[in-house]
Amino acid sequence: MSRTTPVLALDIGGTKLATAVILPDGTTVGFLSEPTRKERPADEVLRSLFDQGSRSMAAAGVDVVSAVGISCGGPLDAAAGVLTGPLHLPGWIDVPIVAMAQEYYGVPAVLENDATAAALGEYRYGAAQGAEIALYLTISTGIGGGAVIGGELHRGAAGNGGEFGHITVQRGGRECLCGRRGCLEAYASGTSIARRAAELLADDPRDSALRRYDPVRAEHVSQCAADGDAVAQEIWDETTALIGQAVTDLVNVFEPDIVVLGGGVTRSGALLLDPVADLVRRGAMAPAATAGVVLAALGDQVGVVGAAALAFDLTYDLDLLKETS
């Protein structure tokens, strides 16, 4: 088995579990997405995840995969294959997920931060193909990121680099799950957008279409903002301004060819992309300001495709090792 054999991809999010079989050209088959239900114990969630992976294989008509790629939010230890304490999965402390997956499926497995994996997926199969330096931000339940430089993932000294969601955008601002204040994630993740909306509605007497929803979610904010609702527009304008500020800082630091925005919040499309891209064009220093800011090409499947890209690399490395031993 090698890069010519399909791989199984498992993507663990705070909201959903996604699984799929990925073919060597990046095609996704047997894609399944189910709620995480993270109130359950970690071992119960993982039993559901592994079963879901098997059902993806059955749906794809695949009996054998060469490897399993796993993506999850951090912190994690990719080299050891352990989830050390993902911020959006309370109680998941030192979970040896790679060993568990290898035992369950009987093939090698690899673990990576979800946004880092997604960066590789977009670089290899999506919107960042051909870029020398590509940045990726996922704006979803949380905010994560990843960078591909010269065709290689930037992982950082301890393997947890690319935490773009924890750039400070408001000094002394809202408390973040990471324990700091003012992080981008504390304002612009889907969870934080919804929380800010609920707080504003509680304190602001203005009429708003948002009051129809209980609970308010990020997509309600974007929809109502698009329809001209003043309260929703206030929340959305602050959201895009802070994302634009963070992306501008990243562009100035990395001077990338392209910045790819993905994750559930980006389903709002041009309502998010246009103001962010405009802020980067106006705020980044030349020549970095020429970086393209685009939406992810892989959509909701970017997590599994990114995990698969790592699994294909693992099988390739193992094949090379066999050839040289």
Protein backbone atom coordinates (compact mmCIF):
# COMPACT_ATOMS: atom_id res chain seq x y z
CA MET A 1 0.00 0.00 0.00
CA SER A 2 1.20 3.53 -0.77
CA ARG A 3 0.07 6.92 -1.97
CA THR A 4 -1.95 5.11 -4.65
CA THR A 5 -4.24 3.54 -2.03
CA PRO A 6 -7.07 5.58 -0.43
CA VAL A 7 -6.73 6.83 3.13
CA LEU A 8 -9.30 7.38 5.86
CA ALA A 9 -9.63 10.87 7.33
CA LEU A 10 -11.10 11.76 10.73
CA ASP A 11 -11.76 15.40 11.64
CA ILE A 12 -12.68 16.14 15.27
CA GLY A 13 -14.37 19.48 15.84
CA GLY A 14 -16.05 21.01 18.84
CA THR A 15 -19.37 20.90 16.98
CA LYS A 16 -19.09 18.03 14.51
CA LEU A 17 -17.21 14.85 13.69
CA ALA A 18 -16.41 14.47 9.99
CA THR A 19 -15.09 11.32 8.34
CA ALA A 20 -14.35 10.35 4.75
CA VAL A 21 -12.29 8.19 2.47
CA ILE A 22 -9.95 10.31 0.34
CA LEU A 23 -8.55 9.17 -2.99
CA PRO A 24 -4.99 10.07 -4.06
CA ASP A 25 -6.23 12.95 -6.24
CA GLY A 26 -8.00 14.53 -3.26
CA THR A 27 -11.48 13.31 -4.18
CA THR A 28 -13.71 12.76 -1.15
CA VAL A 29 -16.01 9.73 -1.01
CA GLY A 30 -18.17 8.40 1.80
CA PHE A 31 -18.23 11.75 3.59
CA LEU A 32 -20.19 11.73 6.86
CA SER A 33 -20.72 14.53 9.37
CA GLU A 34 -22.38 14.03 12.74
CA PRO A 35 -22.64 16.10 15.97
CA THR A 36 -19.71 15.76 18.36
CA ARG A 37 -21.91 15.83 21.47
CA LYS A 38 -18.85 16.76 23.48
CA GLU A 39 -20.75 16.49 26.76
CA ARG A 40 -20.05 12.74 26.46
CA PRO A 41 -16.80 11.24 27.82
CA ALA A 42 -13.87 11.28 25.38
CA ASP A 43 -13.79 7.49 25.01
CA GLU A 44 -17.47 7.43 24.06
CA VAL A 45 -17.01 10.17 21.47
CA LEU A 46 -14.03 8.33 20.00
CA ARG A 47 -15.95 5.05 19.76
CA SER A 48 -18.58 6.95 17.78
CA LEU A 49 -15.88 8.56 15.63
CA PHE A 50 -14.16 5.27 14.79
CA ASP A 51 -17.51 3.64 14.00
CA GLN A 52 -18.36 6.60 11.79
CA GLY A 53 -15.03 6.12 9.99
CA SER A 54 -15.89 2.49 9.31
CA ARG A 55 -19.27 3.57 7.95
CA SER A 56 -17.51 6.05 5.66
CA MET A 57 -15.41 3.20 4.29
CA ALA A 58 -18.53 1.12 3.71
CA ALA A 59 -20.30 4.04 2.03
CA ALA A 60 -17.26 4.54 -0.22
CA GLY A 61 -17.12 0.84 -1.09
CA VAL A 62 -13.56 0.65 0.26
CA ASP A 63 -12.33 -2.34 2.25
CA VAL A 64 -8.70 -1.29 2.72
CA VAL A 65 -7.02 2.04 3.43
CA SER A 66 -3.28 2.61 3.71
CA ALA A 67 -3.40 4.99 6.68
CA VAL A 68 -5.61 7.15 8.88
CA GLY A 69 -5.21 10.91 9.09
CA ILE A 70 -6.65 12.66 12.16
CA SER A 71 -7.16 16.40 12.59
CA CYS A 72 -8.25 18.10 15.79
CA GLY A 73 -7.95 21.45 17.49
CA GLY A 74 -5.03 21.88 19.88
CA PRO A 75 -3.15 21.84 22.08
CA LEU A 76 -1.89 18.46 20.97
CA ASP A 77 1.38 16.57 20.56
CA ALA A 78 1.44 15.51 16.93
CA ALA A 79 4.77 13.66 17.22
CA ALA A 80 3.49 11.55 20.11
CA GLY A 81 -0.01 11.23 18.61
CA VAL A 82 -1.66 12.58 21.77
CA LEU A 83 -4.42 15.13 22.33
CA THR A 84 -2.95 16.96 25.32
CA GLY A 85 -5.93 19.24 26.05
CA PRO A 86 -7.96 20.64 23.10
CA LEU A 87 -9.58 23.90 24.16
CA HIS A 88 -12.94 23.02 22.62
CA LEU A 89 -13.09 19.51 24.05
CA PRO A 90 -13.14 19.93 27.85
CA GLY A 91 -11.77 16.95 29.74
CA TRP A 92 -9.81 15.50 26.82
CA ILE A 93 -6.49 15.31 28.61
CA ASP A 94 -3.60 13.24 27.21
CA VAL A 95 -5.76 11.11 24.90
CA PRO A 96 -3.49 8.75 22.86
CA ILE A 97 -5.66 8.98 19.79
CA VAL A 98 -3.10 7.76 17.23
CA ALA A 99 -2.47 4.53 19.15
CA MET A 100 -6.21 4.05 19.54
CA ALA A 101 -6.86 4.57 15.82
CA GLN A 102 -4.03 2.23 14.84
CA GLU A 103 -5.41 -0.48 17.08
CA TYR A 104 -8.96 0.01 15.76
CA TYR A 105 -8.17 0.11 12.04
CA GLY A 106 -4.94 -1.91 11.91
CA VAL A 107 -3.03 0.64 9.79
CA PRO A 108 -0.63 3.52 10.58
CA ALA A 109 -2.17 6.80 11.74
CA VAL A 110 -1.03 10.40 12.03
CA LEU A 111 -2.32 13.38 14.05
CA GLU A 112 -2.16 17.09 13.27
CA ASN A 113 -3.76 20.33 14.40
CA ASP A 114 -6.95 20.76 12.37
CA ALA A 115 -6.16 24.17 10.96
CA THR A 116 -2.58 23.17 10.15
CA ALA A 117 -3.88 20.12 8.32
CA ALA A 118 -6.44 22.26 6.49
CA ALA A 119 -3.65 24.58 5.35
CA LEU A 120 -1.92 21.61 3.74
CA GLY A 121 -5.19 20.43 2.21
CA GLU A 122 -5.84 23.81 0.56
CA TYR A 123 -2.22 23.98 -0.58
CA ARG A 124 -2.23 20.54 -2.14
CA TYR A 125 -5.76 20.28 -3.48
CA GLY A 126 -7.54 23.63 -3.08
CA ALA A 127 -7.27 27.39 -3.39
CA ALA A 128 -3.57 27.67 -2.49
CA GLN A 129 -2.17 25.31 -5.11
CA GLY A 130 1.09 26.63 -6.56
CA ALA A 131 1.72 29.18 -3.80
CA GLU A 132 5.21 29.56 -2.39
CA ILE A 133 3.85 30.88 0.92
CA ALA A 134 0.22 30.21 1.85
CA LEU A 135 -1.64 31.08 5.04
CA TYR A 136 -4.91 29.50 6.12
CA LEU A 137 -7.39 30.67 8.76
CA THR A 138 -10.33 28.58 9.85
CA ILE A 139 -13.11 30.68 11.37
CA SER A 140 -15.50 28.25 12.98
CA THR A 141 -16.32 27.13 16.55
CA GLY A 142 -12.84 28.49 17.30
CA ILE A 143 -10.23 30.18 15.10
CA GLY A 144 -7.09 28.37 14.05
CA GLY A 145 -4.51 28.71 11.34
CA GLY A 146 -1.66 27.20 9.46
CA ALA A 147 1.12 28.15 7.08
CA VAL A 148 2.76 26.32 4.20
CA ILE A 149 6.18 27.73 3.34
CA GLY A 150 8.12 26.36 0.39
CA GLY A 151 5.82 23.36 0.22
CA GLU A 152 6.33 22.45 3.88
CA LEU A 153 4.02 22.93 6.83
CA HIS A 154 5.21 25.40 9.44
CA ARG A 155 4.66 23.56 12.71
CA GLY A 156 6.72 25.56 15.19
CA ALA A 157 9.40 24.32 17.57
CA ALA A 158 7.00 22.18 19.63
CA GLY A 159 4.52 21.44 16.84
CA ASN A 160 1.78 23.89 17.83
CA GLY A 161 2.68 26.87 15.65
CA GLY A 162 0.07 28.70 13.60
CA GLU A 163 -2.32 29.62 16.42
CA PHE A 164 -3.55 32.63 14.48
CA GLY A 165 -6.77 32.78 16.51
CA HIS A 166 -4.75 33.91 19.51
CA ILE A 167 -3.39 37.09 18.02
CA THR A 168 -4.35 39.95 20.34
CA VAL A 169 -6.79 42.30 18.61
CA GLN A 170 -8.10 44.13 21.69
CA ARG A 171 -5.64 44.68 24.53
CA GLY A 172 -7.31 43.71 27.81
CA GLY A 173 -10.44 42.69 25.94
CA ARG A 174 -12.75 39.71 26.16
CA GLU A 175 -11.51 36.61 27.96
CA CYS A 176 -10.50 33.78 25.65
CA LEU A 177 -10.60 30.03 26.27
CA CYS A 178 -6.80 30.05 26.17
CA GLY A 179 -6.77 32.15 29.37
CA ARG A 180 -5.62 35.40 27.77
CA ARG A 181 -7.71 38.47 26.93
CA GLY A 182 -8.40 40.14 23.62
CA CYS A 183 -7.67 37.23 21.28
CA LEU A 184 -9.21 37.22 17.81
CA GLU A 185 -10.99 33.97 18.72
CA ALA A 186 -12.74 35.69 21.64
CA TYR A 187 -14.44 38.06 19.16
CA ALA A 188 -14.71 36.47 15.73
CA SER A 189 -15.22 32.72 16.14
CA GLY A 190 -18.74 31.48 15.49
CA THR A 191 -19.20 30.90 19.21
CA SER A 192 -17.99 34.38 20.11
CA ILE A 193 -20.08 36.12 17.45
CA ALA A 194 -23.19 34.44 18.88
CA ARG A 195 -22.20 35.35 22.45
CA ARG A 196 -21.55 39.00 21.55
CA ALA A 197 -24.92 39.16 19.81
CA ALA A 198 -26.75 37.78 22.83
CA GLU A 199 -25.00 40.25 25.14
CA LEU A 200 -25.83 43.21 22.91
CA LEU A 201 -29.48 42.18 22.64
CA ALA A 202 -29.71 41.95 26.42
CA ASP A 203 -28.37 45.50 26.88
CA ASP A 204 -29.69 47.29 23.79
CA PRO A 205 -33.39 48.25 23.57
CA ARG A 206 -33.37 48.55 19.77
CA ASP A 207 -35.65 46.29 17.80
CA SER A 208 -33.77 43.63 15.84
CA ALA A 209 -34.58 40.62 13.71
CA LEU A 210 -32.07 38.74 15.83
CA ARG A 211 -34.63 38.65 18.64
CA ARG A 212 -36.54 36.01 16.65
CA TYR A 213 -33.81 33.47 17.36
CA ASP A 214 -33.19 31.59 20.59
CA PRO A 215 -30.37 30.92 20.75
CA VAL A 216 -28.79 33.35 18.32
CA ARG A 217 -26.10 31.78 16.16
CA ALA A 218 -23.36 33.31 14.02
CA GLU A 219 -25.23 32.55 10.80
CA HIS A 220 -28.24 34.48 12.11
CA VAL A 221 -25.99 37.49 12.65
CA SER A 222 -24.62 37.35 9.11
CA GLN A 223 -28.05 36.79 7.56
CA CYS A 224 -29.63 39.68 9.45
CA ALA A 225 -26.65 41.93 8.70
CA ALA A 226 -27.07 41.17 5.00
CA ASP A 227 -30.74 42.15 5.33
CA GLY A 228 -29.80 45.52 6.80
CA ASP A 229 -30.55 44.91 10.49
CA ALA A 230 -28.69 47.63 12.41
CA VAL A 231 -27.85 45.55 15.50
CA ALA A 232 -26.58 42.63 13.42
CA GLN A 233 -24.59 45.00 11.21
CA GLU A 234 -22.86 46.46 14.28
CA ILE A 235 -21.75 43.03 15.43
CA TRP A 236 -20.77 41.92 11.93
CA ASP A 237 -18.81 45.09 11.15
CA GLU A 238 -16.75 44.66 14.34
CA THR A 239 -16.18 41.01 13.42
CA THR A 240 -14.88 41.71 9.92
CA ALA A 241 -12.79 44.65 11.15
CA LEU A 242 -11.00 42.51 13.72
CA ILE A 243 -10.46 39.63 11.28
CA GLY A 244 -9.11 42.14 8.76
CA GLN A 245 -6.79 43.58 11.40
CA ALA A 246 -5.42 40.14 12.27
CA VAL A 247 -4.99 39.07 8.64
CA THR A 248 -3.21 42.33 7.86
CA ASP A 249 -0.74 41.65 10.68
CA LEU A 250 -0.17 38.12 9.37
CA VAL A 251 0.37 39.39 5.83
CA ASN A 252 2.94 41.88 7.07
CA VAL A 253 4.79 39.13 8.98
CA PHE A 254 4.73 36.34 6.40
CA GLU A 255 4.34 38.25 3.08
CA PRO A 256 2.37 35.32 1.61
CA ASP A 257 1.19 34.79 -1.94
CA ILE A 258 -2.29 33.96 -0.70
CA VAL A 259 -4.42 33.89 2.44
CA VAL A 260 -7.24 31.35 2.47
CA LEU A 261 -10.24 31.79 4.79
CA GLY A 262 -12.28 28.70 5.67
CA GLY A 263 -14.58 27.37 8.36
CA GLY A 264 -18.30 27.65 9.04
CA VAL A 265 -18.40 31.43 9.48
CA THR A 266 -17.09 31.89 5.92
CA ARG A 267 -20.34 30.43 4.56
CA SER A 268 -21.40 34.09 4.67
CA GLY A 269 -19.27 34.46 1.52
CA ALA A 270 -18.67 37.94 0.18
CA LEU A 271 -20.23 39.48 3.29
CA LEU A 272 -17.10 38.35 5.15
CA LEU A 273 -14.52 38.17 2.39
CA ASP A 274 -14.99 41.59 0.77
CA PRO A 275 -14.48 43.79 3.86
CA VAL A 276 -11.59 41.63 5.12
CA ALA A 277 -9.82 41.65 1.75
CA ASP A 278 -10.36 45.41 1.46
CA LEU A 279 -8.86 46.02 4.91
CA VAL A 280 -5.81 43.93 4.00
CA ARG A 281 -5.32 45.79 0.70
CA ARG A 282 -5.50 49.14 2.46
CA GLY A 283 -3.63 48.21 5.63
CA ALA A 284 -0.81 45.84 4.67
CA MET A 285 2.58 47.28 3.81
CA ALA A 286 3.75 47.08 0.20
CA PRO A 287 4.53 44.70 -1.40
CA ALA A 288 2.77 42.36 1.06
CA ALA A 289 -0.52 44.10 0.29
CA THR A 290 -0.63 42.26 -3.05
CA ALA A 291 -1.42 38.97 -1.26
CA GLY A 292 -4.70 37.49 -2.43
CA VAL A 293 -7.37 36.87 0.21
CA VAL A 294 -9.78 34.16 -0.92
CA LEU A 295 -12.29 31.68 0.42
CA ALA A 296 -11.32 28.03 0.85
CA ALA A 297 -12.03 25.88 -2.20
CA LEU A 298 -12.62 22.69 -0.22
CA GLY A 299 -15.53 24.01 1.84
CA ASP A 300 -16.79 21.85 4.69
CA GLN A 301 -14.51 19.02 3.57
CA VAL A 302 -11.25 20.90 4.12
CA GLY A 303 -10.69 19.20 7.50
CA VAL A 304 -10.86 15.66 6.15
CA VAL A 305 -8.89 16.51 3.00
CA GLY A 306 -6.16 18.11 5.11
CA ALA A 307 -5.99 15.09 7.40
CA ALA A 308 -5.78 12.87 4.33
CA ALA A 309 -2.89 14.89 2.88
CA LEU A 310 -0.91 14.08 6.04
CA ALA A 311 -1.91 10.42 5.83
CA PHE A 312 -0.67 10.23 2.24
CA ASP A 313 2.63 11.79 3.33
CA LEU A 314 2.88 9.19 6.11
CA THR A 315 2.40 6.28 3.71
CA TYR A 316 4.96 7.80 1.33
CA ASP A 317 7.50 8.16 4.13
CA LEU A 318 6.89 4.59 5.31
CA ASP A 319 7.34 3.28 1.76
CA LEU A 320 10.65 5.16 1.46
CA LEU A 321 11.76 3.70 4.77
CA LYS A 322 11.01 0.18 3.54
CA GLU A 323 12.93 0.78 0.32
CA THR A 324 16.04 1.98 2.16
CA SER A 325 16.04 -0.62 4.94
